Protein backbone atom coordinates (compact mmCIF):
# COMPACT_ATOMS: atom_id res chain seq x y z
CA MET A 1 -10.22 72.12 -2.43
CA ARG A 2 -6.56 71.84 -3.33
CA LYS A 3 -5.48 70.80 0.32
CA LEU A 4 -7.97 68.21 0.24
CA PHE A 5 -6.75 66.44 -3.16
CA ILE A 6 -3.33 66.85 -1.58
CA ILE A 7 -4.98 64.80 1.27
CA LEU A 8 -6.34 62.15 -0.90
CA MET A 9 -3.05 61.80 -3.00
CA ALA A 10 -1.30 61.12 0.10
CA VAL A 11 -3.84 58.31 1.49
CA ILE A 12 -3.85 56.71 -1.86
CA ALA A 13 -0.17 57.04 -3.24
CA PRO A 14 0.76 54.12 -0.61
CA ILE A 15 -2.10 52.18 -1.58
CA ALA A 16 -0.80 52.14 -5.50
CA ALA A 17 3.11 51.78 -4.39
CA ASN A 18 1.75 48.25 -2.14
CA ALA A 19 -0.02 46.92 -5.34
CA LEU A 20 1.00 43.45 -5.88
CA ASP A 21 3.01 43.60 -9.76
CA LEU A 22 1.46 40.58 -11.82
CA SER A 23 3.42 39.73 -15.24
CA PHE A 24 1.82 37.79 -17.78
CA ASP A 25 4.24 34.80 -17.03
CA GLY A 26 3.78 35.18 -13.21
CA ALA A 27 -0.36 35.05 -13.96
CA VAL A 28 0.39 31.93 -15.92
CA GLU A 29 2.21 30.29 -13.24
CA LYS A 30 -0.29 31.17 -10.47
CA ILE A 31 -3.07 30.04 -12.30
CA ILE A 32 -1.64 26.72 -13.33
CA ALA A 33 -0.54 26.07 -9.32
CA GLU A 34 -4.13 27.22 -8.25
CA SER A 35 -5.94 24.36 -11.14
CA TYR A 36 -8.46 22.16 -10.01
CA ASP A 37 -8.32 20.40 -13.30
CA ILE A 38 -4.38 19.98 -13.36
CA ALA A 39 -4.51 18.80 -10.18
CA ARG A 40 -7.49 16.16 -11.21
CA ALA A 41 -5.14 15.57 -13.97
CA THR A 42 -2.10 14.64 -11.99
CA ALA A 43 -4.09 12.49 -9.28
CA ASN A 44 -5.27 10.48 -12.55
CA ILE A 45 -1.64 10.14 -13.72
CA GLY A 46 -0.77 8.63 -10.07
CA ALA A 47 -3.87 6.39 -10.15
CA ALA A 48 -3.06 4.93 -13.58
CA ARG A 49 0.63 4.15 -12.18
CA ALA A 50 -0.84 2.62 -9.00
CA GLY A 51 -2.90 0.30 -11.42
CA LEU A 52 0.43 -0.71 -13.28
CA ASP A 53 1.78 -1.95 -10.04
CA ALA A 54 -1.68 -3.76 -9.24
CA ALA A 55 -1.30 -5.32 -12.52
CA ASN A 56 2.84 -6.03 -12.10
CA ALA A 57 1.88 -7.77 -8.98
CA SER A 58 -0.43 -10.49 -10.48
CA ARG A 59 3.23 -11.53 -12.35
CA TRP A 60 4.76 -12.61 -8.92
CA PHE A 61 4.18 -15.19 -6.52
CA SER A 62 1.53 -14.72 -3.74
CA VAL A 63 1.77 -16.10 -0.25
CA GLU A 64 -1.15 -16.88 2.34
CA ALA A 65 -0.91 -18.32 5.78
CA SER A 66 -3.63 -19.56 7.90
CA ALA A 67 -4.45 -20.39 11.40
CA GLN A 68 -7.36 -22.43 12.98
CA TYR A 69 -8.45 -23.53 15.92
CA MET A 70 -11.49 -25.77 16.35
CA ASN A 71 -13.18 -27.37 19.25
CA MET A 72 -14.89 -30.19 18.20
CA VAL A 73 -18.53 -31.09 20.11
CA ASN A 74 -20.21 -34.20 20.68
CA VAL A 75 -23.35 -33.93 19.03
CA GLU A 76 -25.08 -36.83 21.58
CA ARG A 77 -23.78 -35.13 24.70
CA PRO A 78 -22.60 -31.40 23.75
CA PHE A 79 -21.78 -30.41 27.19
CA ASP A 80 -19.57 -33.66 27.71
CA GLY A 81 -15.84 -32.29 27.95
CA THR A 82 -14.32 -35.76 27.54
CA GLY A 83 -13.97 -35.44 23.67
CA SER A 84 -15.71 -36.03 20.42
CA GLN A 85 -16.79 -39.39 20.42
CA LEU A 86 -16.38 -41.75 17.12
CA PRO A 87 -19.89 -42.66 15.24
CA PRO A 88 -20.74 -46.11 16.34
CA GLN A 89 -20.81 -47.17 12.82
CA LEU A 90 -17.21 -46.95 12.77
CA GLY A 91 -16.79 -49.34 15.63
CA GLY A 92 -16.77 -52.57 13.31
CA LEU A 93 -13.72 -51.19 11.33
CA LEU A 94 -11.78 -50.12 14.61
CA GLU A 95 -12.30 -53.72 16.13
CA SER A 96 -11.26 -55.34 12.92
CA LEU A 97 -7.92 -53.17 13.09
CA GLY A 98 -7.47 -54.53 16.99
CA MET A 99 -8.74 -50.82 18.00
CA ASP A 100 -11.13 -50.06 20.77
CA ALA A 101 -13.96 -49.01 19.44
CA ASN A 102 -15.24 -46.59 22.17
CA MET A 103 -11.99 -44.46 21.78
CA THR A 104 -12.51 -40.92 21.36
CA MET A 105 -11.11 -37.84 19.40
CA PRO A 106 -9.20 -35.33 21.04
CA ASP A 107 -11.51 -31.79 20.68
CA ASN A 108 -9.25 -29.21 20.57
CA ILE A 109 -7.35 -28.90 17.17
CA MET A 110 -5.11 -26.16 16.24
CA MET A 111 -3.77 -26.08 12.50
CA ALA A 112 -1.77 -23.48 10.48
CA GLY A 113 -0.17 -23.40 7.24
CA VAL A 114 1.30 -21.42 4.77
CA THR A 115 0.92 -21.46 0.59
CA ILE A 116 2.71 -20.23 -2.10
CA THR A 117 1.37 -19.93 -5.59
CA GLN A 118 3.62 -18.29 -8.74
CA PRO A 119 1.73 -17.93 -11.93
CA ILE A 120 3.63 -19.84 -14.96
CA TYR A 121 1.50 -18.94 -18.22
CA THR A 122 -1.91 -17.06 -18.10
CA PHE A 123 -2.14 -16.93 -21.86
CA GLY A 124 -2.36 -13.22 -21.93
CA LYS A 125 -4.58 -12.48 -19.24
CA ILE A 126 -1.42 -10.42 -16.80
CA GLY A 127 0.60 -9.84 -20.13
CA ASN A 128 -2.01 -7.81 -22.02
CA ALA A 129 -3.19 -6.14 -18.73
CA VAL A 130 0.02 -4.89 -18.05
CA ASP A 131 0.28 -3.36 -21.61
CA GLY A 132 -3.20 -1.82 -20.77
CA MET A 133 -1.63 -0.07 -17.98
CA ARG A 134 1.06 0.94 -19.51
CA ARG A 135 -0.92 2.89 -22.39
CA ALA A 136 -3.19 4.08 -19.67
CA ILE A 137 -0.40 6.10 -17.79
CA THR A 138 0.49 7.54 -21.20
CA ALA A 139 -2.99 8.03 -22.09
CA ALA A 140 -3.34 10.18 -18.43
CA GLU A 141 0.04 11.76 -19.13
CA SER A 142 -1.48 13.28 -22.38
CA ALA A 143 -4.53 14.35 -20.69
CA GLY A 144 -2.54 16.09 -18.33
CA GLU A 145 -0.45 17.88 -20.95
CA LEU A 146 -3.94 18.64 -22.92
CA THR A 147 -5.18 20.00 -19.48
CA ARG A 148 -2.16 21.86 -18.80
CA ARG A 149 -2.37 23.82 -22.19
CA GLU A 150 -5.79 24.59 -22.06
CA VAL A 151 -5.47 25.79 -18.39
CA ARG A 152 -2.49 27.75 -19.72
CA TYR A 153 -4.52 29.33 -23.02
CA ALA A 154 -7.05 30.34 -19.96
CA ALA A 155 -4.85 31.88 -18.27
CA ALA A 156 -3.71 34.12 -21.39
CA ASN A 157 -7.11 34.98 -22.00
CA LEU A 158 -7.74 36.32 -18.17
CA TYR A 159 -4.42 38.14 -18.02
CA TRP A 160 -4.95 39.75 -21.44
CA THR A 161 -8.60 40.26 -21.28
CA ALA A 162 -8.02 42.29 -17.83
CA LYS A 163 -5.33 44.22 -19.70
CA MET A 164 -7.12 45.24 -22.25
CA THR A 165 -10.20 46.52 -19.97
CA ASP A 166 -7.68 48.40 -18.42
CA ASP A 167 -6.63 50.24 -21.33
CA LEU A 168 -10.33 50.70 -22.67
CA VAL A 169 -11.15 52.69 -19.06
CA GLY A 170 -7.96 54.85 -20.17
CA VAL A 171 -9.42 55.30 -23.56
CA TYR A 172 -12.93 56.22 -22.27
CA GLN A 173 -11.49 58.57 -19.36
CA LYS A 174 -9.29 60.55 -22.32
CA SER A 175 -12.52 60.70 -24.45
CA LEU A 176 -14.68 62.02 -21.65
CA ALA A 177 -12.00 64.67 -20.50
CA ASP A 178 -11.95 65.80 -24.10
CA ALA A 179 -15.29 66.49 -24.18
CA VAL A 180 -15.44 67.90 -20.50
CA ALA A 181 -12.67 70.32 -21.92
CA ALA A 182 -14.49 71.53 -24.92
CA ARG A 183 -17.53 72.24 -22.53
CA LYS A 184 -15.36 74.72 -20.60
CA GLN A 185 -13.58 76.02 -23.85
CA LEU A 186 -17.20 76.55 -25.08
CA THR A 187 -18.50 77.88 -21.80
CA SER A 188 -15.05 80.13 -20.74
CA ALA A 189 -15.31 82.26 -24.26
CA GLY A 190 -18.70 83.62 -23.81
CA ARG A 191 -20.18 82.04 -26.91
CA ALA A 192 -21.95 78.93 -26.19
CA ASN A 193 -25.30 78.58 -28.07
CA ARG A 194 -27.70 76.25 -27.16
CA SER A 195 -27.51 73.68 -29.75
CA ASN A 196 -23.67 73.04 -29.08
CA LEU A 197 -24.30 73.22 -25.18
CA ILE A 198 -26.96 70.82 -25.85
CA LYS A 199 -24.82 68.32 -27.51
CA ILE A 200 -21.64 68.56 -25.43
CA GLU A 201 -23.96 67.64 -22.38
CA SER A 202 -25.42 64.83 -24.23
CA ASP A 203 -21.88 63.64 -25.38
CA ILE A 204 -20.41 63.69 -21.99
CA ALA A 205 -23.47 62.01 -20.47
CA ALA A 206 -23.25 59.41 -22.79
CA LYS A 207 -19.50 59.02 -22.49
CA GLU A 208 -19.74 58.86 -18.68
CA ILE A 209 -21.81 55.94 -19.20
CA ASN A 210 -19.28 54.31 -21.14
CA LEU A 211 -16.73 55.04 -18.86
CA SER A 212 -18.75 53.47 -15.98
CA ASP A 213 -19.40 50.35 -18.20
CA ALA A 214 -15.90 49.95 -19.03
CA GLN A 215 -14.99 50.43 -15.16
CA PHE A 216 -17.34 47.49 -14.35
CA ASN A 217 -15.92 45.22 -17.22
CA ARG A 218 -12.23 46.03 -16.12
CA ASP A 219 -13.21 45.03 -12.41
CA THR A 220 -14.86 41.82 -13.41
CA ALA A 221 -12.03 41.26 -15.44
CA PHE A 222 -9.27 41.89 -12.56
CA ARG A 223 -11.39 39.66 -9.85
CA MET A 224 -11.69 37.02 -11.83
CA LEU A 225 -7.89 37.16 -12.77
CA LYS A 226 -7.33 37.45 -9.17
CA ILE A 227 -9.42 34.35 -8.09
CA MET A 228 -7.92 32.31 -10.62
CA ALA A 229 -4.36 33.27 -9.67
CA GLY A 230 -4.95 32.65 -5.93
CA ILE A 231 -4.60 36.06 -5.52
CA ASP A 232 -7.16 37.80 -2.80
CA VAL A 233 -10.02 39.63 -4.51
CA GLY A 234 -9.25 42.76 -1.90
CA GLU A 235 -5.51 43.23 -2.85
CA ALA A 236 -4.30 45.52 -5.40
CA ILE A 237 -2.72 44.36 -8.51
CA THR A 238 -0.80 46.08 -11.30
CA LEU A 239 -0.32 44.32 -14.94
CA THR A 240 3.19 44.93 -15.62
CA ASP A 241 2.77 43.43 -19.16
CA ASN A 242 1.22 45.79 -21.86
CA LEU A 243 -0.69 44.44 -25.01
CA PRO A 244 2.36 44.18 -27.69
CA THR A 245 2.34 46.69 -30.50
CA LYS A 246 4.13 44.55 -32.95
CA PHE A 247 4.06 40.74 -33.98
CA ASN A 248 6.45 38.63 -35.25
CA ALA A 249 5.26 36.14 -38.45
CA ILE A 250 4.61 32.85 -37.16
CA GLU A 251 6.38 29.78 -39.07
CA TRP A 252 3.70 27.40 -40.42
CA LYS A 253 3.94 23.91 -39.96
CA PRO A 254 1.31 21.51 -40.69
CA LEU A 255 -0.11 20.07 -37.63
CA GLU A 256 1.46 16.50 -36.91
CA SER A 257 0.67 15.66 -33.31
CA ASN A 258 -1.55 17.10 -30.55
CA PRO A 259 -1.97 15.94 -27.09
CA GLU A 260 -5.55 15.20 -27.85
CA TRP A 261 -4.68 12.71 -30.40
CA ASP A 262 -2.08 11.01 -28.12
CA LEU A 263 -4.90 10.74 -25.72
CA PHE A 264 -7.09 8.92 -28.17
CA GLU A 265 -4.25 6.89 -29.75
CA ASN A 266 -3.20 5.46 -26.28
CA GLN A 267 -6.78 4.92 -25.07
CA ILE A 268 -7.25 2.44 -28.24
CA SER A 269 -4.42 0.74 -27.30
CA MET A 270 -5.26 0.41 -23.76
CA TYR A 271 -8.63 -0.97 -25.00
CA GLU A 272 -7.33 -3.21 -27.70
CA SER A 273 -5.10 -5.11 -24.82
CA ASN A 274 -7.93 -5.24 -21.81
CA ALA A 275 -10.25 -7.04 -24.66
CA ARG A 276 -7.41 -9.23 -25.26
CA SER A 277 -6.87 -9.66 -21.33
CA LYS A 278 -10.37 -10.33 -21.03
CA ARG A 279 -10.45 -12.98 -23.94
CA ALA A 280 -7.86 -14.80 -22.21
CA GLY A 281 -9.99 -15.24 -19.06
CA ALA A 282 -11.40 -18.20 -20.79
CA TYR A 283 -8.08 -20.08 -21.43
CA PRO A 284 -6.49 -22.17 -18.44
CA THR A 285 -3.88 -20.95 -16.15
CA LEU A 286 -0.60 -22.81 -15.58
CA ALA A 287 0.80 -22.21 -12.15
CA ALA A 288 3.40 -23.77 -9.52
CA MET A 289 2.47 -24.17 -6.10
CA GLY A 290 3.65 -25.24 -2.65
CA SER A 291 2.16 -25.93 0.95
CA TYR A 292 3.32 -26.77 4.30
CA SER A 293 0.86 -27.38 7.25
CA TYR A 294 1.11 -28.02 11.07
CA ASN A 295 -1.50 -29.71 13.13
CA MET A 296 -2.10 -30.41 16.74
CA MET A 297 -4.61 -32.29 18.79
CA SER A 298 -5.50 -32.35 22.50
CA GLY A 299 -8.44 -33.35 24.57
CA SER A 300 -7.87 -29.98 26.68
CA ALA A 301 -6.96 -26.39 25.20
CA ASP A 302 -4.32 -26.18 28.12
CA THR A 303 -2.41 -28.72 26.89
CA LEU A 304 -2.62 -28.48 23.30
CA PHE A 305 1.31 -27.04 22.86
CA ASP A 306 2.65 -29.46 25.20
CA LYS A 307 3.55 -31.68 22.63
CA SER A 308 4.67 -32.07 19.17
CA GLY A 309 2.19 -32.16 16.14
CA SER A 310 2.15 -33.35 13.09
CA GLN A 311 3.78 -31.56 9.79
CA SER A 312 2.55 -32.13 6.05
CA ALA A 313 4.08 -30.23 3.04
CA TYR A 314 3.43 -30.24 -0.48
CA TRP A 315 4.74 -29.08 -4.17
CA GLY A 316 3.63 -29.25 -7.70
CA VAL A 317 1.93 -27.54 -10.70
CA ALA A 318 -1.78 -27.05 -11.18
CA LEU A 319 -3.61 -26.47 -14.28
CA THR A 320 -7.16 -23.90 -13.95
CA VAL A 321 -9.28 -24.40 -16.85
CA PRO A 322 -12.52 -22.36 -17.16
CA ILE A 323 -15.19 -24.60 -18.19
CA PHE A 324 -18.46 -22.33 -18.47
CA SER A 325 -18.83 -18.43 -17.29
CA GLY A 326 -22.45 -17.49 -18.83
CA GLY A 327 -20.10 -15.66 -21.59
CA MET A 328 -18.75 -13.04 -19.09
CA HIS A 329 -15.03 -13.10 -20.83
CA ARG A 330 -16.59 -12.26 -24.10
CA ALA A 331 -19.00 -9.75 -23.08
CA GLN A 332 -16.24 -7.86 -21.24
CA ALA A 333 -13.82 -8.26 -24.33
CA THR A 334 -16.97 -6.67 -26.40
CA VAL A 335 -17.34 -4.01 -24.33
CA ASP A 336 -13.60 -3.05 -24.21
CA ALA A 337 -13.75 -3.64 -28.09
CA MET A 338 -16.18 -1.15 -28.20
CA ASN A 339 -14.55 1.31 -26.18
CA ALA A 340 -11.76 1.02 -28.80
CA THR A 341 -13.82 1.65 -31.65
CA ALA A 342 -15.31 4.80 -30.18
CA ALA A 343 -11.96 6.12 -29.22
CA ARG A 344 -10.83 5.63 -32.94
CA ALA A 345 -14.24 7.49 -34.19
CA ASP A 346 -13.05 10.45 -31.36
CA LEU A 347 -9.27 10.50 -33.08
CA ASP A 348 -10.72 10.87 -36.57
CA LYS A 349 -12.65 13.64 -35.43
CA SER A 350 -10.74 15.25 -33.32
CA LYS A 351 -7.94 15.16 -36.15
CA MET A 352 -10.42 17.01 -38.83
CA LEU A 353 -11.23 19.87 -35.87
CA ARG A 354 -8.02 20.52 -34.65
CA THR A 355 -6.58 20.96 -37.72
CA GLU A 356 -8.92 22.91 -38.79
CA GLU A 357 -8.95 24.76 -35.83
CA TYR A 358 -4.99 25.08 -35.80
CA ASN A 359 -5.51 26.50 -39.54
CA THR A 360 -7.78 28.72 -38.85
CA ALA A 361 -5.77 30.59 -35.85
CA ILE A 362 -2.61 30.83 -37.86
CA LYS A 363 -4.67 32.35 -40.57
CA LYS A 364 -6.47 34.91 -38.40
CA TYR A 365 -3.17 35.61 -36.77
CA ASP A 366 -1.64 36.21 -40.42
CA HIS A 367 -4.73 38.16 -41.15
CA LEU A 368 -4.79 40.34 -38.39
CA ARG A 369 -1.35 40.99 -38.08
CA GLY A 370 -1.43 41.90 -41.81
CA ASN A 371 -4.10 44.77 -41.27
CA LEU A 372 -2.41 45.70 -37.74
CA ALA A 373 -0.58 48.36 -39.65
CA GLY A 374 -2.93 49.89 -41.58
CA LEU A 375 -5.11 49.92 -38.74
CA THR A 376 -2.64 51.60 -36.63
CA ASN A 377 -2.12 54.24 -39.43
CA ALA A 378 -6.28 54.73 -39.45
CA ARG A 379 -6.17 55.58 -35.60
CA ASP A 380 -3.37 58.19 -35.66
CA LEU A 381 -4.95 59.89 -38.71
CA ALA A 382 -8.23 59.93 -36.66
CA ALA A 383 -6.29 61.29 -33.99
CA ARG A 384 -4.72 64.10 -36.32
CA ALA A 385 -8.12 64.82 -37.44
CA TYR A 386 -9.29 65.30 -33.78
CA LYS A 387 -6.85 67.67 -32.97
CA LEU A 388 -7.41 69.79 -36.14
CA SER A 389 -10.97 69.82 -35.16
CA ALA A 390 -10.60 70.59 -31.52
CA ASP A 391 -8.49 73.43 -32.87
CA ARG A 392 -10.84 74.59 -35.04
CA PHE A 393 -14.03 74.10 -31.89
CA ALA A 394 -11.41 76.15 -29.97
CA ALA A 395 -11.28 79.04 -32.68
CA GLY A 396 -15.13 79.01 -33.17
CA GLN A 397 -14.92 77.35 -36.48
CA THR A 398 -17.02 74.37 -36.09
CA SER A 399 -19.86 73.00 -34.34
CA ALA A 400 -19.80 70.46 -31.01
CA VAL A 401 -21.58 68.23 -33.63
CA GLU A 402 -18.57 67.72 -35.69
CA LEU A 403 -16.28 67.80 -32.65
CA ALA A 404 -18.42 64.97 -31.10
CA ASP A 405 -18.37 62.76 -34.63
CA VAL A 406 -14.43 62.80 -35.01
CA SER A 407 -14.02 62.05 -30.92
CA SER A 408 -16.29 59.18 -31.42
CA ALA A 409 -14.36 58.18 -34.42
CA LEU A 410 -11.16 58.26 -32.62
CA SER A 411 -12.64 56.35 -29.85
CA GLY A 412 -14.19 53.67 -32.29
CA LEU A 413 -10.53 53.27 -33.89
CA ASP A 414 -8.56 53.08 -30.10
CA ILE A 415 -11.07 50.56 -29.28
CA ALA A 416 -10.76 48.23 -32.69
CA LEU A 417 -7.00 48.85 -32.33
CA LEU A 418 -7.08 47.17 -28.41
CA SER A 419 -8.97 44.65 -29.75
CA ALA A 420 -6.66 43.79 -33.14
CA ARG A 421 -3.66 43.58 -30.44
CA TYR A 422 -5.92 41.38 -27.82
CA ASN A 423 -7.28 38.75 -30.90
CA ILE A 424 -3.73 38.53 -32.55
CA LEU A 425 -2.25 37.74 -29.15
CA MET A 426 -5.14 35.10 -28.42
CA SER A 427 -4.61 33.65 -32.15
CA ALA A 428 -0.87 33.13 -30.98
CA GLU A 429 -2.01 31.44 -27.84
CA SER A 430 -4.45 29.01 -29.88
CA VAL A 431 -1.56 27.77 -32.21
CA LYS A 432 0.76 27.47 -29.16
CA LYS A 433 -2.33 25.50 -27.47
CA LEU A 434 -2.63 23.35 -30.49
CA GLY A 435 0.74 22.70 -31.82
CA ASN A 436 3.12 19.94 -32.08
């Protein structure tokens, strides 16, 4: 049996030695790097910046080039390749001008040109759209910060939950080991009465189940931590940071800002700017414009480029005035105005809820921290009581019932102490998540 134990230890030791050490900060970094929510928030920021570039592009001149080739068809004789004959109605006009009434027009025409348009004044259509996109970028950045805080809080919860469940396994292992040792003492002394033995056997069976449940919870917590951190679920990990035993006081400050509030405030400004831009769609647009074109005509496509064509160019200003759009601009502006109203309501609700959540987290932290010393003292007293009871049991001065009760009380306080330390840590993480 001893040889088998040595062989097992030789096999298990390299596995434990090769386990990945994972600190709290390392786990947070890995989970943030693997987070799909943060990747989506980063993409949303990039999309908002691209939207600003698109809105700014409307400020600058646009250049459009065009080229056309046309072959005129003689409708009366479609397959006649001599050109397009002028309508006979124009014959008298041409004769009065001393021209041949039976002349034909070249049926190959090539036209090319370029047009430049520069907006001068749009009554707020472009300016408000640009302001709205700038606010959209700030809102996306606030959403990204909010997402980052949520992911960090979730990472902390995963890490400390895994650590707490690991420590709970230790508590149940010790409790079971104590019960097994008590049974050995009872049977080895040759004084085992039936009631004591039954009680200890029952206690051992219950503690085995508790240990099995704790191991399952630990394995589940570790597996989820590894999945979210991008670690292979088959790889062994060792959590190097322990649940603290002492906690410093938190300096209380009123909650004055929060990424969620910044998000809603920027959304309100964005919607209001968009509404002004949509209303400006019903106003005129003043723009400068210029154009150049080059035209060539020939009776055959082969000779189209044999001679020079005609050129034309112009520049000027254009005033475009919308007359009727069926109320589209007003309706679009109303949609954005209603979105701004909804965002303002969300902001008011968020301020009320997040402020209460922030204050509650601080109060909970202070409350649990204040009780920690008393809880620790109660646990230490329970440990002393168990030792006294175990010694008395070994001497045959007490029953298995009393020993089981004292052992259960000690395990309960061990669990309560672990839970309190975990809750204090998560209260502090809530303050970080919600704080200024």
